[in-house]
Amino acid sequence: MRGIWTTAHVRAAEERLLRVTPEGMLMRRAAYGVSVRAAAMLSEHTGGVSGRRVVLVVGAGNNGGDALWAGAFLRRRGAAVTALLLRPDRAHPAGLAALRR
C-alpha cells in the first residue's frame, strides 16, 4: 500500500532537496519531467512535438513557474507555446524569462 503525501510531507521533502540543490534547479528538473511527459502525449496523439501548438494556463508563484519552464522546454523541441497568465503581476520571473527566450 502506498502512503499519502500531504502538503506538509511534500514541503518537507522539497526543503531537504532545496538545501542541497542549486537555486532554481529543482523547479527546472520538475518542469523538464512535465515537458517530457507532455511531449510523449503529443507524440502519441499527433505524431510529434515540432509544429504543434501548446497553451499553458499559468497560475501565480512556483507552480506557475513549473508550467512556464515546461513550456520553454517544449518550445525548444519545436512546439508553438502560448502562456495564458492568470495573474500576470505574480508570474514567476525566471520561468517567464525562460519561455520568452
PDB file of N, CA and C in Angstrom:
ATOM      1  N   MET A   1       0.850  -1.190   0.000  1.00  0.00           N
ATOM      2  CA  MET A   1       0.000   0.000   0.000  1.00  0.00           C
ATOM      3  C   MET A   1       0.888   1.243   0.000  1.00  0.00           C
ATOM      4  N   ARG A   2       0.516   2.207  -0.770  1.00  0.00           N
ATOM      5  CA  ARG A   2       1.258   3.457  -0.849  1.00  0.00           C
ATOM      6  C   ARG A   2       0.765   4.413   0.222  1.00  0.00           C
ATOM      7  N   GLY A   3       1.687   5.217   0.728  1.00  0.00           N
ATOM      8  CA  GLY A   3       1.316   6.223   1.701  1.00  0.00           C
ATOM      9  C   GLY A   3       0.717   7.442   1.034  1.00  0.00           C
ATOM     10  N   ILE A   4       0.133   8.276   1.818  1.00  0.00           N
ATOM     11  CA  ILE A   4      -0.454   9.518   1.333  1.00  0.00           C
ATOM     12  C   ILE A   4       0.525  10.645   1.618  1.00  0.00           C
ATOM     13  N   TRP A   5       0.824  11.408   0.585  1.00  0.00           N
ATOM     14  CA  TRP A   5       1.717  12.545   0.736  1.00  0.00           C
ATOM     15  C   TRP A   5       0.878  13.797   0.946  1.00  0.00           C
ATOM     16  N   THR A   6       0.929  14.329   2.136  1.00  0.00           N
ATOM     17  CA  THR A   6       0.227  15.576   2.427  1.00  0.00           C
ATOM     18  C   THR A   6       1.074  16.753   1.942  1.00  0.00           C
ATOM     19  N   THR A   7       0.484  17.923   1.955  1.00  0.00           N
ATOM     20  CA  THR A   7       1.237  19.121   1.587  1.00  0.00           C
ATOM     21  C   THR A   7       2.448  19.282   2.483  1.00  0.00           C
ATOM     22  N   ALA A   8       2.294  19.003   3.757  1.00  0.00           N
ATOM     23  CA  ALA A   8       3.415  19.114   4.706  1.00  0.00           C
ATOM     24  C   ALA A   8       4.532  18.137   4.347  1.00  0.00           C
ATOM     25  N   HIS A   9       4.180  16.911   3.951  1.00  0.00           N
ATOM     26  CA  HIS A   9       5.187  15.930   3.548  1.00  0.00           C
ATOM     27  C   HIS A   9       5.964  16.404   2.320  1.00  0.00           C
ATOM     28  N   VAL A  10       5.231  16.917   1.345  1.00  0.00           N
ATOM     29  CA  VAL A  10       5.877  17.386   0.118  1.00  0.00           C
ATOM     30  C   VAL A  10       6.795  18.560   0.431  1.00  0.00           C
ATOM     31  N   ARG A  11       6.335  19.490   1.229  1.00  0.00           N
ATOM     32  CA  ARG A  11       7.173  20.656   1.579  1.00  0.00           C
ATOM     33  C   ARG A  11       8.427  20.224   2.314  1.00  0.00           C
ATOM     34  N   ALA A  12       8.301  19.280   3.222  1.00  0.00           N
ATOM     35  CA  ALA A  12       9.466  18.796   3.969  1.00  0.00           C
ATOM     36  C   ALA A  12      10.478  18.135   3.027  1.00  0.00           C
ATOM     37  N   ALA A  13       9.976  17.343   2.083  1.00  0.00           N
ATOM     38  CA  ALA A  13      10.862  16.695   1.114  1.00  0.00           C
ATOM     39  C   ALA A  13      11.540  17.742   0.229  1.00  0.00           C
ATOM     40  N   GLU A  14      10.782  18.730  -0.206  1.00  0.00           N
ATOM     41  CA  GLU A  14      11.352  19.793  -1.033  1.00  0.00           C
ATOM     42  C   GLU A  14      12.396  20.588  -0.266  1.00  0.00           C
ATOM     43  N   GLU A  15      12.136  20.868   0.995  1.00  0.00           N
ATOM     44  CA  GLU A  15      13.099  21.638   1.793  1.00  0.00           C
ATOM     45  C   GLU A  15      14.432  20.917   1.885  1.00  0.00           C
ATOM     46  N   ARG A  16      14.396  19.601   2.067  1.00  0.00           N
ATOM     47  CA  ARG A  16      15.646  18.832   2.125  1.00  0.00           C
ATOM     48  C   ARG A  16      16.385  18.924   0.791  1.00  0.00           C
ATOM     49  N   LEU A  17      15.649  18.787  -0.297  1.00  0.00           N
ATOM     50  CA  LEU A  17      16.278  18.877  -1.616  1.00  0.00           C
ATOM     51  C   LEU A  17      16.805  20.281  -1.908  1.00  0.00           C
ATOM     52  N   LEU A  18      16.040  21.292  -1.522  1.00  0.00           N
ATOM     53  CA  LEU A  18      16.445  22.667  -1.801  1.00  0.00           C
ATOM     54  C   LEU A  18      17.738  23.046  -1.081  1.00  0.00           C
ATOM     55  N   ARG A  19      17.980  22.429   0.067  1.00  0.00           N
ATOM     56  CA  ARG A  19      19.215  22.727   0.807  1.00  0.00           C
ATOM     57  C   ARG A  19      20.454  22.247   0.063  1.00  0.00           C
ATOM     58  N   VAL A  20      20.323  21.231  -0.782  1.00  0.00           N
ATOM     59  CA  VAL A  20      21.493  20.645  -1.450  1.00  0.00           C
ATOM     60  C   VAL A  20      21.463  20.802  -2.971  1.00  0.00           C
ATOM     61  N   THR A  21      20.528  21.578  -3.485  1.00  0.00           N
ATOM     62  CA  THR A  21      20.372  21.760  -4.926  1.00  0.00           C
ATOM     63  C   THR A  21      20.553  23.240  -5.255  1.00  0.00           C
ATOM     64  N   PRO A  22      21.286  23.546  -6.321  1.00  0.00           N
ATOM     65  CA  PRO A  22      21.436  24.958  -6.703  1.00  0.00           C
ATOM     66  C   PRO A  22      20.069  25.615  -6.913  1.00  0.00           C
ATOM     67  N   GLU A  23      20.009  26.906  -6.619  1.00  0.00           N
ATOM     68  CA  GLU A  23      18.746  27.640  -6.708  1.00  0.00           C
ATOM     69  C   GLU A  23      18.122  27.512  -8.104  1.00  0.00           C
ATOM     70  N   GLY A  24      16.837  27.201  -8.120  1.00  0.00           N
ATOM     71  CA  GLY A  24      16.092  27.087  -9.362  1.00  0.00           C
ATOM     72  C   GLY A  24      16.195  25.733 -10.040  1.00  0.00           C
ATOM     73  N   MET A  25      17.147  24.901  -9.633  1.00  0.00           N
ATOM     74  CA  MET A  25      17.361  23.625 -10.309  1.00  0.00           C
ATOM     75  C   MET A  25      16.220  22.644 -10.073  1.00  0.00           C
ATOM     76  N   LEU A  26      15.669  22.609  -8.869  1.00  0.00           N
ATOM     77  CA  LEU A  26      14.576  21.676  -8.588  1.00  0.00           C
ATOM     78  C   LEU A  26      13.369  21.984  -9.473  1.00  0.00           C
ATOM     79  N   MET A  27      13.056  23.259  -9.637  1.00  0.00           N
ATOM     80  CA  MET A  27      11.936  23.652 -10.485  1.00  0.00           C
ATOM     81  C   MET A  27      12.193  23.259 -11.937  1.00  0.00           C
ATOM     82  N   ARG A  28      13.395  23.516 -12.418  1.00  0.00           N
ATOM     83  CA  ARG A  28      13.707  23.172 -13.805  1.00  0.00           C
ATOM     84  C   ARG A  28      13.668  21.657 -14.019  1.00  0.00           C
ATOM     85  N   ARG A  29      14.118  20.888 -13.040  1.00  0.00           N
ATOM     86  CA  ARG A  29      14.052  19.428 -13.165  1.00  0.00           C
ATOM     87  C   ARG A  29      12.608  18.943 -13.221  1.00  0.00           C
ATOM     88  N   ALA A  30      11.779  19.492 -12.348  1.00  0.00           N
ATOM     89  CA  ALA A  30      10.358  19.109 -12.352  1.00  0.00           C
ATOM     90  C   ALA A  30       9.707  19.500 -13.671  1.00  0.00           C
ATOM     91  N   ALA A  31       9.997  20.701 -14.139  1.00  0.00           N
ATOM     92  CA  ALA A  31       9.415  21.179 -15.388  1.00  0.00           C
ATOM     93  C   ALA A  31       9.890  20.345 -16.575  1.00  0.00           C
ATOM     94  N   TYR A  32      11.150  19.929 -16.544  1.00  0.00           N
ATOM     95  CA  TYR A  32      11.654  19.085 -17.619  1.00  0.00           C
ATOM     96  C   TYR A  32      10.880  17.766 -17.650  1.00  0.00           C
ATOM     97  N   GLY A  33      10.619  17.200 -16.464  1.00  0.00           N
ATOM     98  CA  GLY A  33       9.825  15.972 -16.392  1.00  0.00           C
ATOM     99  C   GLY A  33       8.429  16.162 -16.965  1.00  0.00           C
ATOM    100  N   VAL A  34       7.811  17.286 -16.649  1.00  0.00           N
ATOM    101  CA  VAL A  34       6.482  17.595 -17.200  1.00  0.00           C
ATOM    102  C   VAL A  34       6.567  17.716 -18.725  1.00  0.00           C
ATOM    103  N   SER A  35       7.605  18.376 -19.211  1.00  0.00           N
ATOM    104  CA  SER A  35       7.724  18.561 -20.662  1.00  0.00           C
ATOM    105  C   SER A  35       7.965  17.234 -21.378  1.00  0.00           C
ATOM    106  N   VAL A  36       8.714  16.332 -20.757  1.00  0.00           N
ATOM    107  CA  VAL A  36       8.945  15.012 -21.370  1.00  0.00           C
ATOM    108  C   VAL A  36       7.627  14.254 -21.469  1.00  0.00           C
ATOM    109  N   ARG A  37       6.822  14.304 -20.403  1.00  0.00           N
ATOM    110  CA  ARG A  37       5.526  13.614 -20.431  1.00  0.00           C
ATOM    111  C   ARG A  37       4.585  14.265 -21.447  1.00  0.00           C
ATOM    112  N   ALA A  38       4.564  15.597 -21.495  1.00  0.00           N
ATOM    113  CA  ALA A  38       3.717  16.295 -22.465  1.00  0.00           C
ATOM    114  C   ALA A  38       4.152  15.960 -23.892  1.00  0.00           C
ATOM    115  N   ALA A  39       5.461  15.904 -24.123  1.00  0.00           N
ATOM    116  CA  ALA A  39       5.969  15.558 -25.449  1.00  0.00           C
ATOM    117  C   ALA A  39       5.547  14.142 -25.832  1.00  0.00           C
ATOM    118  N   ALA A  40       5.587  13.223 -24.872  1.00  0.00           N
ATOM    119  CA  ALA A  40       5.158  11.850 -25.138  1.00  0.00           C
ATOM    120  C   ALA A  40       3.675  11.816 -25.497  1.00  0.00           C
ATOM    121  N   MET A  41       2.875  12.591 -24.791  1.00  0.00           N
ATOM    122  CA  MET A  41       1.442  12.650 -25.092  1.00  0.00           C
ATOM    123  C   MET A  41       1.203  13.244 -26.477  1.00  0.00           C
ATOM    124  N   LEU A  42       1.921  14.308 -26.804  1.00  0.00           N
ATOM    125  CA  LEU A  42       1.783  14.903 -28.136  1.00  0.00           C
ATOM    126  C   LEU A  42       2.187  13.905 -29.214  1.00  0.00           C
ATOM    127  N   SER A  43       3.272  13.200 -28.985  1.00  0.00           N
ATOM    128  CA  SER A  43       3.742  12.221 -29.964  1.00  0.00           C
ATOM    129  C   SER A  43       2.731  11.101 -30.147  1.00  0.00           C
ATOM    130  N   GLU A  44       2.146  10.669 -29.046  1.00  0.00           N
ATOM    131  CA  GLU A  44       1.162   9.581 -29.096  1.00  0.00           C
ATOM    132  C   GLU A  44      -0.083   9.980 -29.881  1.00  0.00           C
ATOM    133  N   HIS A  45      -0.513  11.231 -29.702  1.00  0.00           N
ATOM    134  CA  HIS A  45      -1.783  11.658 -30.295  1.00  0.00           C
ATOM    135  C   HIS A  45      -1.647  12.413 -31.608  1.00  0.00           C
ATOM    136  N   THR A  46      -0.478  12.991 -31.851  1.00  0.00           N
ATOM    137  CA  THR A  46      -0.350  13.813 -33.057  1.00  0.00           C
ATOM    138  C   THR A  46       0.881  13.465 -33.890  1.00  0.00           C
ATOM    139  N   GLY A  47       1.697  12.558 -33.409  1.00  0.00           N
ATOM    140  CA  GLY A  47       2.867  12.152 -34.177  1.00  0.00           C
ATOM    141  C   GLY A  47       4.130  12.937 -33.894  1.00  0.00           C
ATOM    142  N   GLY A  48       4.105  13.900 -32.994  1.00  0.00           N
ATOM    143  CA  GLY A  48       5.323  14.630 -32.676  1.00  0.00           C
ATOM    144  C   GLY A  48       5.064  15.924 -31.942  1.00  0.00           C
ATOM    145  N   VAL A  49       6.146  16.600 -31.600  1.00  0.00           N
ATOM    146  CA  VAL A  49       6.076  17.865 -30.863  1.00  0.00           C
ATOM    147  C   VAL A  49       6.246  19.047 -31.811  1.00  0.00           C
ATOM    148  N   SER A  50       7.195  18.930 -32.702  1.00  0.00           N
ATOM    149  CA  SER A  50       7.513  20.032 -33.600  1.00  0.00           C
ATOM    150  C   SER A  50       6.293  20.440 -34.421  1.00  0.00           C
ATOM    151  N   GLY A  51       6.021  21.738 -34.425  1.00  0.00           N
ATOM    152  CA  GLY A  51       4.900  22.275 -35.179  1.00  0.00           C
ATOM    153  C   GLY A  51       3.560  22.220 -34.463  1.00  0.00           C
ATOM    154  N   ARG A  52       3.512  21.633 -33.287  1.00  0.00           N
ATOM    155  CA  ARG A  52       2.260  21.550 -32.520  1.00  0.00           C
ATOM    156  C   ARG A  52       2.085  22.803 -31.687  1.00  0.00           C
ATOM    157  N   ARG A  53       0.836  23.111 -31.355  1.00  0.00           N
ATOM    158  CA  ARG A  53       0.520  24.266 -30.511  1.00  0.00           C
ATOM    159  C   ARG A  53       0.211  23.777 -29.105  1.00  0.00           C
ATOM    160  N   VAL A  54       0.780  24.457 -28.132  1.00  0.00           N
ATOM    161  CA  VAL A  54       0.561  24.139 -26.718  1.00  0.00           C
ATOM    162  C   VAL A  54       0.136  25.428 -26.022  1.00  0.00           C
ATOM    163  N   VAL A  55      -0.913  25.353 -25.227  1.00  0.00           N
ATOM    164  CA  VAL A  55      -1.360  26.502 -24.434  1.00  0.00           C
ATOM    165  C   VAL A  55      -1.168  26.151 -22.967  1.00  0.00           C
ATOM    166  N   LEU A  56      -0.485  27.029 -22.254  1.00  0.00           N
ATOM    167  CA  LEU A  56      -0.261  26.863 -20.820  1.00  0.00           C
ATOM    168  C   LEU A  56      -1.231  27.762 -20.073  1.00  0.00           C
ATOM    169  N   VAL A  57      -1.932  27.225 -19.104  1.00  0.00           N
ATOM    170  CA  VAL A  57      -2.756  28.033 -18.208  1.00  0.00           C
ATOM    171  C   VAL A  57      -1.928  28.167 -16.941  1.00  0.00           C
ATOM    172  N   VAL A  58      -1.410  29.382 -16.697  1.00  0.00           N
ATOM    173  CA  VAL A  58      -0.356  29.591 -15.713  1.00  0.00           C
ATOM    174  C   VAL A  58      -0.856  30.389 -14.522  1.00  0.00           C
ATOM    175  N   GLY A  59      -0.776  29.772 -13.363  1.00  0.00           N
ATOM    176  CA  GLY A  59      -1.103  30.452 -12.124  1.00  0.00           C
ATOM    177  C   GLY A  59       0.095  31.207 -11.590  1.00  0.00           C
ATOM    178  N   ALA A  60      -0.052  31.708 -10.386  1.00  0.00           N
ATOM    179  CA  ALA A  60       0.994  32.513  -9.757  1.00  0.00           C
ATOM    180  C   ALA A  60       2.028  31.630  -9.060  1.00  0.00           C
ATOM    181  N   GLY A  61       3.156  32.213  -8.795  1.00  0.00           N
ATOM    182  CA  GLY A  61       4.157  31.567  -7.953  1.00  0.00           C
ATOM    183  C   GLY A  61       4.888  30.414  -8.608  1.00  0.00           C
ATOM    184  N   ASN A  62       5.371  29.508  -7.735  1.00  0.00           N
ATOM    185  CA  ASN A  62       6.230  28.425  -8.201  1.00  0.00           C
ATOM    186  C   ASN A  62       5.521  27.403  -9.081  1.00  0.00           C
ATOM    187  N   ASN A  63       4.254  27.114  -8.828  1.00  0.00           N
ATOM    188  CA  ASN A  63       3.543  26.187  -9.713  1.00  0.00           C
ATOM    189  C   ASN A  63       3.445  26.766 -11.111  1.00  0.00           C
ATOM    190  N   GLY A  64       3.197  28.057 -11.192  1.00  0.00           N
ATOM    191  CA  GLY A  64       3.201  28.715 -12.486  1.00  0.00           C
ATOM    192  C   GLY A  64       4.583  28.690 -13.117  1.00  0.00           C
ATOM    193  N   GLY A  65       5.610  28.812 -12.276  1.00  0.00           N
ATOM    194  CA  GLY A  65       6.987  28.723 -12.767  1.00  0.00           C
ATOM    195  C   GLY A  65       7.273  27.370 -13.393  1.00  0.00           C
ATOM    196  N   ASP A  66       6.764  26.306 -12.750  1.00  0.00           N
ATOM    197  CA  ASP A  66       6.918  24.963 -13.328  1.00  0.00           C
ATOM    198  C   ASP A  66       6.331  24.921 -14.739  1.00  0.00           C
ATOM    199  N   ALA A  67       5.129  25.464 -14.890  1.00  0.00           N
ATOM    200  CA  ALA A  67       4.464  25.449 -16.196  1.00  0.00           C
ATOM    201  C   ALA A  67       5.255  26.251 -17.221  1.00  0.00           C
ATOM    202  N   LEU A  68       5.748  27.411 -16.835  1.00  0.00           N
ATOM    203  CA  LEU A  68       6.489  28.257 -17.761  1.00  0.00           C
ATOM    204  C   LEU A  68       7.786  27.586 -18.215  1.00  0.00           C
ATOM    205  N   TRP A  69       8.509  26.984 -17.277  1.00  0.00           N
ATOM    206  CA  TRP A  69       9.737  26.267 -17.635  1.00  0.00           C
ATOM    207  C   TRP A  69       9.417  25.086 -18.534  1.00  0.00           C
ATOM    208  N   ALA A  70       8.341  24.345 -18.240  1.00  0.00           N
ATOM    209  CA  ALA A  70       7.943  23.223 -19.101  1.00  0.00           C
ATOM    210  C   ALA A  70       7.655  23.733 -20.512  1.00  0.00           C
ATOM    211  N   GLY A  71       6.984  24.877 -20.608  1.00  0.00           N
ATOM    212  CA  GLY A  71       6.719  25.474 -21.909  1.00  0.00           C
ATOM    213  C   GLY A  71       8.000  25.840 -22.641  1.00  0.00           C
ATOM    214  N   ALA A  72       8.973  26.339 -21.904  1.00  0.00           N
ATOM    215  CA  ALA A  72      10.264  26.679 -22.518  1.00  0.00           C
ATOM    216  C   ALA A  72      10.924  25.432 -23.099  1.00  0.00           C
ATOM    217  N   PHE A  73      10.872  24.324 -22.359  1.00  0.00           N
ATOM    218  CA  PHE A  73      11.454  23.079 -22.865  1.00  0.00           C
ATOM    219  C   PHE A  73      10.705  22.579 -24.095  1.00  0.00           C
ATOM    220  N   LEU A  74       9.382  22.694 -24.089  1.00  0.00           N
ATOM    221  CA  LEU A  74       8.596  22.276 -25.251  1.00  0.00           C
ATOM    222  C   LEU A  74       8.883  23.161 -26.460  1.00  0.00           C
ATOM    223  N   ARG A  75       9.061  24.447 -26.220  1.00  0.00           N
ATOM    224  CA  ARG A  75       9.378  25.371 -27.309  1.00  0.00           C
ATOM    225  C   ARG A  75      10.706  24.987 -27.956  1.00  0.00           C
ATOM    226  N   ARG A  76      11.675  24.583 -27.133  1.00  0.00           N
ATOM    227  CA  ARG A  76      12.974  24.158 -27.671  1.00  0.00           C
ATOM    228  C   ARG A  76      12.831  22.924 -28.566  1.00  0.00           C
ATOM    229  N   ARG A  77      11.782  22.161 -28.340  1.00  0.00           N
ATOM    230  CA  ARG A  77      11.544  20.959 -29.163  1.00  0.00           C
ATOM    231  C   ARG A  77      10.681  21.274 -30.374  1.00  0.00           C
ATOM    232  N   GLY A  78      10.356  22.543 -30.592  1.00  0.00           N
ATOM    233  CA  GLY A  78       9.660  22.946 -31.799  1.00  0.00           C
ATOM    234  C   GLY A  78       8.178  23.218 -31.660  1.00  0.00           C
ATOM    235  N   ALA A  79       7.642  23.145 -30.443  1.00  0.00           N
ATOM    236  CA  ALA A  79       6.225  23.448 -30.242  1.00  0.00           C
ATOM    237  C   ALA A  79       6.028  24.966 -30.200  1.00  0.00           C
ATOM    238  N   ALA A  80       4.887  25.416 -30.679  1.00  0.00           N
ATOM    239  CA  ALA A  80       4.489  26.813 -30.546  1.00  0.00           C
ATOM    240  C   ALA A  80       3.761  26.921 -29.206  1.00  0.00           C
ATOM    241  N   VAL A  81       4.316  27.667 -28.279  1.00  0.00           N
ATOM    242  CA  VAL A  81       3.782  27.707 -26.914  1.00  0.00           C
ATOM    243  C   VAL A  81       3.210  29.085 -26.613  1.00  0.00           C
ATOM    244  N   THR A  82       1.980  29.100 -26.123  1.00  0.00           N
ATOM    245  CA  THR A  82       1.320  30.320 -25.663  1.00  0.00           C
ATOM    246  C   THR A  82       1.031  30.153 -24.180  1.00  0.00           C
ATOM    247  N   ALA A  83       1.327  31.186 -23.404  1.00  0.00           N
ATOM    248  CA  ALA A  83       1.062  31.148 -21.963  1.00  0.00           C
ATOM    249  C   ALA A  83      -0.066  32.111 -21.630  1.00  0.00           C
ATOM    250  N   LEU A  84      -1.118  31.588 -21.021  1.00  0.00           N
ATOM    251  CA  LEU A  84      -2.216  32.397 -20.512  1.00  0.00           C
ATOM    252  C   LEU A  84      -1.930  32.622 -19.030  1.00  0.00           C
ATOM    253  N   LEU A  85      -1.500  33.839 -18.692  1.00  0.00           N
ATOM    254  CA  LEU A  85      -1.123  34.170 -17.316  1.00  0.00           C
ATOM    255  C   LEU A  85      -2.358  34.611 -16.540  1.00  0.00           C
ATOM    256  N   LEU A  86      -2.739  33.815 -15.555  1.00  0.00           N
ATOM    257  CA  LEU A  86      -3.920  34.147 -14.759  1.00  0.00           C
ATOM    258  C   LEU A  86      -3.654  35.316 -13.822  1.00  0.00           C
ATOM    259  N   ARG A  87      -2.422  35.459 -13.373  1.00  0.00           N
ATOM    260  CA  ARG A  87      -2.015  36.578 -12.516  1.00  0.00           C
ATOM    261  C   ARG A  87      -0.701  37.141 -13.057  1.00  0.00           C
ATOM    262  N   PRO A  88      -0.752  37.907 -14.121  1.00  0.00           N
ATOM    263  CA  PRO A  88       0.481  38.407 -14.740  1.00  0.00           C
ATOM    264  C   PRO A  88       1.392  39.140 -13.758  1.00  0.00           C
ATOM    265  N   ASP A  89       0.799  39.813 -12.784  1.00  0.00           N
ATOM    266  CA  ASP A  89       1.579  40.551 -11.802  1.00  0.00           C
ATOM    267  C   ASP A  89       2.336  39.628 -10.844  1.00  0.00           C
ATOM    268  N   ARG A  90       1.952  38.345 -10.813  1.00  0.00           N
ATOM    269  CA  ARG A  90       2.609  37.385  -9.919  1.00  0.00           C
ATOM    270  C   ARG A  90       3.231  36.221 -10.683  1.00  0.00           C
ATOM    271  N   ALA A  91       3.470  36.406 -11.981  1.00  0.00           N
ATOM    272  CA  ALA A  91       4.094  35.358 -12.783  1.00  0.00           C
ATOM    273  C   ALA A  91       5.531  35.128 -12.301  1.00  0.00           C
ATOM    274  N   HIS A  92       5.970  33.900 -12.346  1.00  0.00           N
ATOM    275  CA  HIS A  92       7.321  33.547 -11.917  1.00  0.00           C
ATOM    276  C   HIS A  92       8.331  34.194 -12.877  1.00  0.00           C
ATOM    277  N   PRO A  93       9.169  35.115 -12.392  1.00  0.00           N
ATOM    278  CA  PRO A  93      10.042  35.888 -13.295  1.00  0.00           C
ATOM    279  C   PRO A  93      11.008  35.025 -14.108  1.00  0.00           C
ATOM    280  N   ALA A  94      11.682  34.088 -13.477  1.00  0.00           N
ATOM    281  CA  ALA A  94      12.670  33.279 -14.207  1.00  0.00           C
ATOM    282  C   ALA A  94      11.991  32.362 -15.216  1.00  0.00           C
ATOM    283  N   GLY A  95      10.861  31.768 -14.843  1.00  0.00           N
ATOM    284  CA  GLY A  95      10.132  30.909 -15.769  1.00  0.00           C
ATOM    285  C   GLY A  95       9.612  31.688 -16.966  1.00  0.00           C
ATOM    286  N   LEU A  96       9.093  32.884 -16.709  1.00  0.00           N
ATOM    287  CA  LEU A  96       8.581  33.722 -17.795  1.00  0.00           C
ATOM    288  C   LEU A  96       9.719  34.150 -18.724  1.00  0.00           C
ATOM    289  N   ALA A  97      10.863  34.499 -18.151  1.00  0.00           N
ATOM    290  CA  ALA A  97      12.014  34.880 -18.961  1.00  0.00           C
ATOM    291  C   ALA A  97      12.483  33.701 -19.811  1.00  0.00           C
ATOM    292  N   ALA A  98      12.479  32.490 -19.246  1.00  0.00           N
ATOM    293  CA  ALA A  98      12.888  31.302 -19.997  1.00  0.00           C
ATOM    294  C   ALA A  98      11.960  31.057 -21.176  1.00  0.00           C
ATOM    295  N   LEU A  99      10.666  31.188 -20.962  1.00  0.00           N
ATOM    296  CA  LEU A  99       9.713  30.977 -22.047  1.00  0.00           C
ATOM    297  C   LEU A  99       9.884  32.044 -23.126  1.00  0.00           C
ATOM    298  N   ARG A 100      10.099  33.271 -22.733  1.00  0.00           N
ATOM    299  CA  ARG A 100      10.258  34.360 -23.705  1.00  0.00           C
ATOM    300  C   ARG A 100      11.531  34.203 -24.531  1.00  0.00           C
ATOM    301  N   ARG A 101      12.572  33.630 -23.939  1.00  0.00           N
ATOM    302  CA  ARG A 101      13.819  33.429 -24.692  1.00  0.00           C
ATOM    303  C   ARG A 101      13.568  32.413 -25.781  1.00  0.00           C
TER     304      ARG A 101
END
